[in-house]
PDB file of N, CA and C in Angstrom:
ATOM      1  N   MET A   1       0.848  -1.172   0.000  1.00  0.00           N
ATOM      2  CA  MET A   1       0.000   0.000   0.000  1.00  0.00           C
ATOM      3  C   MET A   1       0.893   1.234   0.000  1.00  0.00           C
ATOM      4  N   THR A   2       0.519   2.203  -0.811  1.00  0.00           N
ATOM      5  CA  THR A   2       1.294   3.439  -0.851  1.00  0.00           C
ATOM      6  C   THR A   2       1.060   4.257   0.412  1.00  0.00           C
ATOM      7  N   LYS A   3       2.069   5.009   0.770  1.00  0.00           N
ATOM      8  CA  LYS A   3       1.991   5.838   1.962  1.00  0.00           C
ATOM      9  C   LYS A   3       1.098   7.052   1.713  1.00  0.00           C
ATOM     10  N   PHE A   4       0.338   7.452   2.726  1.00  0.00           N
ATOM     11  CA  PHE A   4      -0.516   8.629   2.625  1.00  0.00           C
ATOM     12  C   PHE A   4       0.339   9.863   2.467  1.00  0.00           C
ATOM     13  N   ARG A   5      -0.033  10.702   1.499  1.00  0.00           N
ATOM     14  CA  ARG A   5       0.729  11.909   1.212  1.00  0.00           C
ATOM     15  C   ARG A   5      -0.254  13.046   0.948  1.00  0.00           C
ATOM     16  N   ILE A   6       0.042  14.208   1.466  1.00  0.00           N
ATOM     17  CA  ILE A   6      -0.811  15.376   1.267  1.00  0.00           C
ATOM     18  C   ILE A   6      -0.290  16.152   0.063  1.00  0.00           C
ATOM     19  N   ASP A   7      -1.123  16.258  -0.961  1.00  0.00           N
ATOM     20  CA  ASP A   7      -0.754  16.968  -2.183  1.00  0.00           C
ATOM     21  C   ASP A   7      -1.144  18.434  -2.043  1.00  0.00           C
ATOM     22  N   LYS A   8      -0.177  19.272  -1.732  1.00  0.00           N
ATOM     23  CA  LYS A   8      -0.444  20.695  -1.503  1.00  0.00           C
ATOM     24  C   LYS A   8      -0.716  21.456  -2.794  1.00  0.00           C
ATOM     25  N   ASN A   9      -0.351  20.889  -3.927  1.00  0.00           N
ATOM     26  CA  ASN A   9      -0.482  21.579  -5.204  1.00  0.00           C
ATOM     27  C   ASN A   9      -1.707  21.155  -6.006  1.00  0.00           C
ATOM     28  N   LYS A  10      -2.438  20.188  -5.523  1.00  0.00           N
ATOM     29  CA  LYS A  10      -3.610  19.695  -6.234  1.00  0.00           C
ATOM     30  C   LYS A  10      -4.648  20.802  -6.360  1.00  0.00           C
ATOM     31  N   ILE A  11      -5.167  20.973  -7.554  1.00  0.00           N
ATOM     32  CA  ILE A  11      -6.165  22.010  -7.802  1.00  0.00           C
ATOM     33  C   ILE A  11      -7.539  21.483  -7.391  1.00  0.00           C
ATOM     34  N   ALA A  12      -8.257  22.296  -6.644  1.00  0.00           N
ATOM     35  CA  ALA A  12      -9.585  21.908  -6.168  1.00  0.00           C
ATOM     36  C   ALA A  12     -10.566  21.877  -7.333  1.00  0.00           C
ATOM     37  N   SER A  13     -11.459  20.906  -7.284  1.00  0.00           N
ATOM     38  CA  SER A  13     -12.507  20.826  -8.289  1.00  0.00           C
ATOM     39  C   SER A  13     -13.832  21.195  -7.636  1.00  0.00           C
ATOM     40  N   LYS A  14     -14.899  21.067  -8.387  1.00  0.00           N
ATOM     41  CA  LYS A  14     -16.223  21.394  -7.860  1.00  0.00           C
ATOM     42  C   LYS A  14     -16.477  20.595  -6.583  1.00  0.00           C
ATOM     43  N   THR A  15     -17.031  21.247  -5.574  1.00  0.00           N
ATOM     44  CA  THR A  15     -17.273  20.585  -4.289  1.00  0.00           C
ATOM     45  C   THR A  15     -18.737  20.688  -3.886  1.00  0.00           C
ATOM     46  N   ILE A  16     -19.095  19.874  -2.922  1.00  0.00           N
ATOM     47  CA  ILE A  16     -20.442  19.869  -2.353  1.00  0.00           C
ATOM     48  C   ILE A  16     -20.302  20.075  -0.851  1.00  0.00           C
ATOM     49  N   ASN A  17     -21.068  20.992  -0.312  1.00  0.00           N
ATOM     50  CA  ASN A  17     -21.059  21.218   1.136  1.00  0.00           C
ATOM     51  C   ASN A  17     -21.904  20.162   1.812  1.00  0.00           C
ATOM     52  N   ARG A  18     -21.373  19.614   2.894  1.00  0.00           N
ATOM     53  CA  ARG A  18     -22.074  18.582   3.657  1.00  0.00           C
ATOM     54  C   ARG A  18     -21.585  18.643   5.090  1.00  0.00           C
ATOM     55  N   THR A  19     -22.487  18.484   6.038  1.00  0.00           N
ATOM     56  CA  THR A  19     -22.112  18.476   7.445  1.00  0.00           C
ATOM     57  C   THR A  19     -21.908  17.035   7.894  1.00  0.00           C
ATOM     58  N   ILE A  20     -20.792  16.787   8.589  1.00  0.00           N
ATOM     59  CA  ILE A  20     -20.525  15.456   9.129  1.00  0.00           C
ATOM     60  C   ILE A  20     -20.153  15.583  10.601  1.00  0.00           C
ATOM     61  N   ARG A  21     -20.281  14.493  11.308  1.00  0.00           N
ATOM     62  CA  ARG A  21     -19.857  14.449  12.711  1.00  0.00           C
ATOM     63  C   ARG A  21     -18.670  13.500  12.811  1.00  0.00           C
ATOM     64  N   ILE A  22     -17.635  13.962  13.520  1.00  0.00           N
ATOM     65  CA  ILE A  22     -16.467  13.117  13.742  1.00  0.00           C
ATOM     66  C   ILE A  22     -16.096  13.168  15.219  1.00  0.00           C
ATOM     67  N   LYS A  23     -15.401  12.139  15.645  1.00  0.00           N
ATOM     68  CA  LYS A  23     -14.969  12.086  17.039  1.00  0.00           C
ATOM     69  C   LYS A  23     -13.987  13.213  17.325  1.00  0.00           C
ATOM     70  N   GLU A  24     -14.009  13.684  18.555  1.00  0.00           N
ATOM     71  CA  GLU A  24     -13.139  14.785  18.954  1.00  0.00           C
ATOM     72  C   GLU A  24     -11.665  14.450  18.726  1.00  0.00           C
ATOM     73  N   GLU A  25     -11.264  13.218  19.033  1.00  0.00           N
ATOM     74  CA  GLU A  25      -9.866  12.819  18.871  1.00  0.00           C
ATOM     75  C   GLU A  25      -9.450  12.883  17.401  1.00  0.00           C
ATOM     76  N   VAL A  26     -10.345  12.463  16.516  1.00  0.00           N
ATOM     77  CA  VAL A  26     -10.055  12.496  15.086  1.00  0.00           C
ATOM     78  C   VAL A  26      -9.935  13.944  14.619  1.00  0.00           C
ATOM     79  N   PHE A  27     -10.837  14.791  15.071  1.00  0.00           N
ATOM     80  CA  PHE A  27     -10.789  16.215  14.724  1.00  0.00           C
ATOM     81  C   PHE A  27      -9.450  16.814  15.151  1.00  0.00           C
ATOM     82  N   GLU A  28      -9.018  16.510  16.350  1.00  0.00           N
ATOM     83  CA  GLU A  28      -7.759  17.056  16.857  1.00  0.00           C
ATOM     84  C   GLU A  28      -6.574  16.601  16.009  1.00  0.00           C
ATOM     85  N   LYS A  29      -6.564  15.326  15.601  1.00  0.00           N
ATOM     86  CA  LYS A  29      -5.485  14.814  14.754  1.00  0.00           C
ATOM     87  C   LYS A  29      -5.493  15.496  13.389  1.00  0.00           C
ATOM     88  N   LEU A  30      -6.690  15.698  12.831  1.00  0.00           N
ATOM     89  CA  LEU A  30      -6.807  16.359  11.534  1.00  0.00           C
ATOM     90  C   LEU A  30      -6.343  17.814  11.614  1.00  0.00           C
ATOM     91  N   MET A  31      -6.704  18.493  12.687  1.00  0.00           N
ATOM     92  CA  MET A  31      -6.264  19.877  12.873  1.00  0.00           C
ATOM     93  C   MET A  31      -4.747  19.956  13.018  1.00  0.00           C
ATOM     94  N   GLU A  32      -4.176  19.001  13.722  1.00  0.00           N
ATOM     95  CA  GLU A  32      -2.723  18.956  13.899  1.00  0.00           C
ATOM     96  C   GLU A  32      -2.041  18.765  12.537  1.00  0.00           C
ATOM     97  N   LEU A  33      -2.557  17.837  11.729  1.00  0.00           N
ATOM     98  CA  LEU A  33      -2.012  17.632  10.387  1.00  0.00           C
ATOM     99  C   LEU A  33      -2.137  18.895   9.544  1.00  0.00           C
ATOM    100  N   SER A  34      -3.259  19.567   9.671  1.00  0.00           N
ATOM    101  CA  SER A  34      -3.505  20.801   8.934  1.00  0.00           C
ATOM    102  C   SER A  34      -2.447  21.849   9.265  1.00  0.00           C
ATOM    103  N   LYS A  35      -2.191  22.051  10.536  1.00  0.00           N
ATOM    104  CA  LYS A  35      -1.210  23.039  10.978  1.00  0.00           C
ATOM    105  C   LYS A  35       0.210  22.648  10.573  1.00  0.00           C
ATOM    106  N   GLU A  36       0.548  21.365  10.739  1.00  0.00           N
ATOM    107  CA  GLU A  36       1.897  20.886  10.410  1.00  0.00           C
ATOM    108  C   GLU A  36       2.213  21.024   8.929  1.00  0.00           C
ATOM    109  N   ASN A  37       1.194  20.876   8.088  1.00  0.00           N
ATOM    110  CA  ASN A  37       1.411  20.885   6.645  1.00  0.00           C
ATOM    111  C   ASN A  37       1.038  22.194   5.964  1.00  0.00           C
ATOM    112  N   GLY A  38       0.512  23.135   6.730  1.00  0.00           N
ATOM    113  CA  GLY A  38       0.173  24.435   6.163  1.00  0.00           C
ATOM    114  C   GLY A  38      -0.937  24.389   5.131  1.00  0.00           C
ATOM    115  N   VAL A  39      -1.887  23.490   5.338  1.00  0.00           N
ATOM    116  CA  VAL A  39      -3.042  23.388   4.443  1.00  0.00           C
ATOM    117  C   VAL A  39      -4.314  23.433   5.273  1.00  0.00           C
ATOM    118  N   SER A  40      -5.429  23.661   4.613  1.00  0.00           N
ATOM    119  CA  SER A  40      -6.695  23.783   5.334  1.00  0.00           C
ATOM    120  C   SER A  40      -7.166  22.444   5.905  1.00  0.00           C
ATOM    121  N   PHE A  41      -8.001  22.556   6.908  1.00  0.00           N
ATOM    122  CA  PHE A  41      -8.646  21.375   7.493  1.00  0.00           C
ATOM    123  C   PHE A  41      -9.402  20.624   6.403  1.00  0.00           C
ATOM    124  N   ASN A  42     -10.125  21.354   5.569  1.00  0.00           N
ATOM    125  CA  ASN A  42     -10.894  20.736   4.496  1.00  0.00           C
ATOM    126  C   ASN A  42      -9.997  19.943   3.547  1.00  0.00           C
ATOM    127  N   LYS A  43      -8.837  20.489   3.219  1.00  0.00           N
ATOM    128  CA  LYS A  43      -7.885  19.811   2.339  1.00  0.00           C
ATOM    129  C   LYS A  43      -7.427  18.498   2.946  1.00  0.00           C
ATOM    130  N   ILE A  44      -7.140  18.493   4.236  1.00  0.00           N
ATOM    131  CA  ILE A  44      -6.715  17.273   4.917  1.00  0.00           C
ATOM    132  C   ILE A  44      -7.817  16.221   4.854  1.00  0.00           C
ATOM    133  N   VAL A  45      -9.039  16.619   5.168  1.00  0.00           N
ATOM    134  CA  VAL A  45     -10.166  15.682   5.149  1.00  0.00           C
ATOM    135  C   VAL A  45     -10.354  15.121   3.743  1.00  0.00           C
ATOM    136  N   GLN A  46     -10.318  15.978   2.737  1.00  0.00           N
ATOM    137  CA  GLN A  46     -10.491  15.546   1.352  1.00  0.00           C
ATOM    138  C   GLN A  46      -9.408  14.544   0.958  1.00  0.00           C
ATOM    139  N   GLU A  47      -8.167  14.828   1.285  1.00  0.00           N
ATOM    140  CA  GLU A  47      -7.060  13.926   0.957  1.00  0.00           C
ATOM    141  C   GLU A  47      -7.219  12.579   1.665  1.00  0.00           C
ATOM    142  N   CYS A  48      -7.632  12.607   2.923  1.00  0.00           N
ATOM    143  CA  CYS A  48      -7.852  11.362   3.676  1.00  0.00           C
ATOM    144  C   CYS A  48      -8.943  10.513   3.035  1.00  0.00           C
ATOM    145  N   ILE A  49     -10.023  11.151   2.648  1.00  0.00           N
ATOM    146  CA  ILE A  49     -11.141  10.433   2.034  1.00  0.00           C
ATOM    147  C   ILE A  49     -10.718   9.826   0.697  1.00  0.00           C
ATOM    148  N   GLU A  50     -10.069  10.629  -0.137  1.00  0.00           N
ATOM    149  CA  GLU A  50      -9.618  10.125  -1.440  1.00  0.00           C
ATOM    150  C   GLU A  50      -8.644   8.958  -1.280  1.00  0.00           C
ATOM    151  N   TYR A  51      -7.736   9.075  -0.341  1.00  0.00           N
ATOM    152  CA  TYR A  51      -6.759   8.009  -0.099  1.00  0.00           C
ATOM    153  C   TYR A  51      -7.452   6.728   0.348  1.00  0.00           C
ATOM    154  N   SER A  52      -8.366   6.857   1.314  1.00  0.00           N
ATOM    155  CA  SER A  52      -9.017   5.645   1.826  1.00  0.00           C
ATOM    156  C   SER A  52      -9.899   4.994   0.763  1.00  0.00           C
ATOM    157  N   LEU A  53     -10.596   5.786  -0.055  1.00  0.00           N
ATOM    158  CA  LEU A  53     -11.428   5.220  -1.109  1.00  0.00           C
ATOM    159  C   LEU A  53     -10.606   4.504  -2.170  1.00  0.00           C
ATOM    160  N   SER A  54      -9.441   5.012  -2.467  1.00  0.00           N
ATOM    161  CA  SER A  54      -8.605   4.365  -3.486  1.00  0.00           C
ATOM    162  C   SER A  54      -7.885   3.121  -2.968  1.00  0.00           C
ATOM    163  N   HIS A  55      -7.937   2.880  -1.659  1.00  0.00           N
ATOM    164  CA  HIS A  55      -7.286   1.713  -1.071  1.00  0.00           C
ATOM    165  C   HIS A  55      -8.268   0.734  -0.443  1.00  0.00           C
ATOM    166  N   MET A  56      -9.474   0.775  -0.903  1.00  0.00           N
ATOM    167  CA  MET A  56     -10.493  -0.174  -0.388  1.00  0.00           C
ATOM    168  C   MET A  56     -10.493  -1.436  -1.220  1.00  0.00           C
TER     169      MET A  56
END
């Protein structure tokens, strides 16, 4: 399995707004990744989702 990598240069495409609920611990980890990598929280979530879907 390829290692998870955050693509900071990927161009955003059309998006859909949706509200989700996540555990507090997961939110904190995502925020930490966001700060460490200098990208938005949304970008981190999107990258995580795309990565997990491509490795199912």
